[in-house]
Structures are given as C-alpha cells and as structure tokens.
Amino acid sequence: MPEPILISIAAALAAKGATGLYDLVKRKFAKDPAATLALEGAASAPSSDTQPIRALAERLESAGTEDREFAEALRTEWEKLPEGRVTYGGVHNTVTGTVTGKVIQAGDVHGNINL
C-alpha cells in the first residue's frame, strides 16, 4: 500500500492542479505506457472513484523506489504547493490580501451554511 503522501500527490495530479508536479511525473512516465495510462486514468476518473488515484500512487511508489532522484524531486515539488501541507481528503484554505468578510473552512457540506 502506498504511503499517504503518495495518495495525496496522486490526487493532486488527478486534479491537474499542480502543473509543475504533473509535468515532472508525465516526463518520468513518458517511456512507461502502463504508468502513463495510470496518470491519464486518474486525471479522467470521476472524483468519487478512488481506485485510479490508488493505482497512480502505486506507480509513483514504484518509480520512486527505482529512481531515488525522482522520489526526491517529487517530494520537493510537492512541498512547494499548499497541498503539500494537507493529506488526501483534507481541507486547505489560503487567504491572502485584505480580508473584510468571513472565511469558512469546511470539508464536505451537506446542507446550507448561513452566516
């Protein structure tokens, strides 16, 4: 089973929200059709389907075991992102500038929020 950080990285890759990270992994997987398929499968899977994320995390784990430089680069790139401080399924808000209103941090909300 992949480390939790690799699951988080795989989720960020699936969302394509981390361009530098995505490009790093895409370059690494370029000569491995099965790994490329895992990356593309995670990116196109519905967010409710966690299996493609887990499959991608397993590919990241294998690639990192075989190539320590890649493993280091992957974690370095991850730490540059706000998501790098959040685990898979966690919540992260970033608020910058002058704030005069209210900020709410929440995970899954089922129903209304009234302030």
Protein backbone atom coordinates (compact mmCIF):
# COMPACT_ATOMS: atom_id res chain seq x y z
CA MET A 1 0.00 0.00 0.00
CA PRO A 2 1.46 3.39 -0.98
CA GLU A 3 2.37 5.96 1.65
CA PRO A 4 -0.38 8.51 2.42
CA ILE A 5 1.73 11.29 0.90
CA LEU A 6 1.77 9.43 -2.42
CA ILE A 7 -2.02 9.15 -2.32
CA SER A 8 -2.19 12.92 -1.76
CA ILE A 9 0.23 13.57 -4.61
CA ALA A 10 -1.75 11.24 -6.88
CA ALA A 11 -4.97 13.12 -6.01
CA ALA A 12 -3.33 16.45 -6.86
CA LEU A 13 -2.06 15.00 -10.13
CA ALA A 14 -5.52 13.69 -10.99
CA ALA A 15 -6.95 17.18 -10.49
CA LYS A 16 -4.16 18.63 -12.67
CA GLY A 17 -3.99 21.47 -10.18
CA ALA A 18 -0.23 21.25 -9.79
CA THR A 19 1.30 21.89 -13.21
CA GLY A 20 4.97 21.53 -12.22
CA LEU A 21 4.25 18.31 -10.38
CA TYR A 22 2.15 16.96 -13.25
CA ASP A 23 4.87 17.79 -15.79
CA LEU A 24 7.54 16.08 -13.64
CA VAL A 25 5.51 12.88 -13.42
CA LYS A 26 4.48 12.98 -17.08
CA ARG A 27 8.16 13.22 -18.11
CA LYS A 28 9.09 10.35 -15.80
CA PHE A 29 6.26 8.14 -17.09
CA ALA A 30 6.82 9.02 -20.79
CA LYS A 31 8.61 5.73 -21.56
CA ASP A 32 6.26 3.58 -19.46
CA PRO A 33 2.88 3.14 -21.18
CA ALA A 34 1.26 1.50 -18.15
CA ALA A 35 2.36 4.33 -15.86
CA THR A 36 1.19 6.93 -18.38
CA LEU A 37 -2.16 5.15 -18.54
CA ALA A 38 -2.38 5.31 -14.72
CA LEU A 39 -1.69 9.07 -14.81
CA GLU A 40 -4.25 9.69 -17.55
CA GLY A 41 -6.77 7.35 -15.92
CA ALA A 42 -6.57 9.21 -12.62
CA ALA A 43 -6.95 12.54 -14.40
CA SER A 44 -10.07 11.45 -16.25
CA ALA A 45 -11.74 9.43 -13.48
CA PRO A 46 -14.72 10.80 -11.55
CA SER A 47 -13.70 12.30 -8.22
CA SER A 48 -15.79 9.69 -6.40
CA ASP A 49 -13.64 6.85 -7.81
CA THR A 50 -10.58 6.40 -5.60
CA GLN A 51 -9.19 3.33 -7.40
CA PRO A 52 -7.42 5.30 -10.18
CA ILE A 53 -5.83 7.52 -7.51
CA ARG A 54 -4.56 4.45 -5.65
CA ALA A 55 -3.25 2.92 -8.91
CA LEU A 56 -1.38 6.13 -9.69
CA ALA A 57 0.04 6.27 -6.15
CA GLU A 58 1.31 2.71 -6.59
CA ARG A 59 3.02 3.72 -9.85
CA LEU A 60 4.59 6.71 -8.09
CA GLU A 61 5.81 4.41 -5.34
CA SER A 62 7.38 2.01 -7.84
CA ALA A 63 9.01 4.82 -9.80
CA GLY A 64 10.38 6.35 -6.60
CA THR A 65 11.79 3.02 -5.43
CA GLU A 66 13.57 2.53 -8.75
CA ASP A 67 14.75 6.13 -9.06
CA ARG A 68 15.65 7.91 -5.81
CA GLU A 69 16.31 11.19 -7.65
CA PHE A 70 12.75 11.13 -8.98
CA ALA A 71 11.42 10.35 -5.49
CA GLU A 72 13.29 13.37 -4.10
CA ALA A 73 12.17 15.64 -6.95
CA LEU A 74 8.58 14.51 -6.48
CA ARG A 75 8.58 15.32 -2.77
CA THR A 76 10.42 18.61 -3.31
CA GLU A 77 7.88 19.71 -5.90
CA TRP A 78 5.03 18.60 -3.61
CA GLU A 79 6.36 20.63 -0.67
CA LYS A 80 6.27 23.78 -2.83
CA LEU A 81 2.49 23.51 -3.09
CA PRO A 82 -0.09 24.44 -0.47
CA GLU A 83 -1.50 20.93 -0.96
CA GLY A 84 1.85 19.61 0.29
CA ARG A 85 0.76 20.52 3.79
CA VAL A 86 -2.58 18.73 3.51
CA THR A 87 -3.25 15.00 3.45
CA TYR A 88 -5.57 13.31 0.95
CA GLY A 89 -9.14 14.16 1.81
CA GLY A 90 -8.10 17.10 3.97
CA VAL A 91 -9.11 20.72 3.62
CA HIS A 92 -6.81 23.64 2.89
CA ASN A 93 -7.73 27.30 2.61
CA THR A 94 -5.36 30.04 1.57
CA VAL A 95 -6.45 33.59 2.23
CA THR A 96 -4.28 36.45 1.03
CA GLY A 97 -4.67 40.18 0.91
CA THR A 98 -7.02 42.27 3.00
CA VAL A 99 -9.98 40.31 4.29
CA THR A 100 -13.06 42.21 5.39
CA GLY A 101 -15.59 39.39 5.21
CA LYS A 102 -15.88 35.95 6.68
CA VAL A 103 -13.87 32.86 5.77
CA ILE A 104 -15.17 29.37 6.30
CA GLN A 105 -13.06 26.25 6.19
CA ALA A 106 -15.06 23.11 5.65
CA GLY A 107 -14.79 19.63 4.22
CA ASP A 108 -17.95 18.07 2.90
CA VAL A 109 -21.02 20.21 3.50
CA HIS A 110 -24.40 18.59 3.10
CA GLY A 111 -26.95 21.34 3.54
CA ASN A 112 -26.83 25.08 3.94
CA ILE A 113 -24.35 27.41 5.57
CA ASN A 114 -25.89 30.60 6.97
CA LEU A 115 -23.85 33.41 8.48
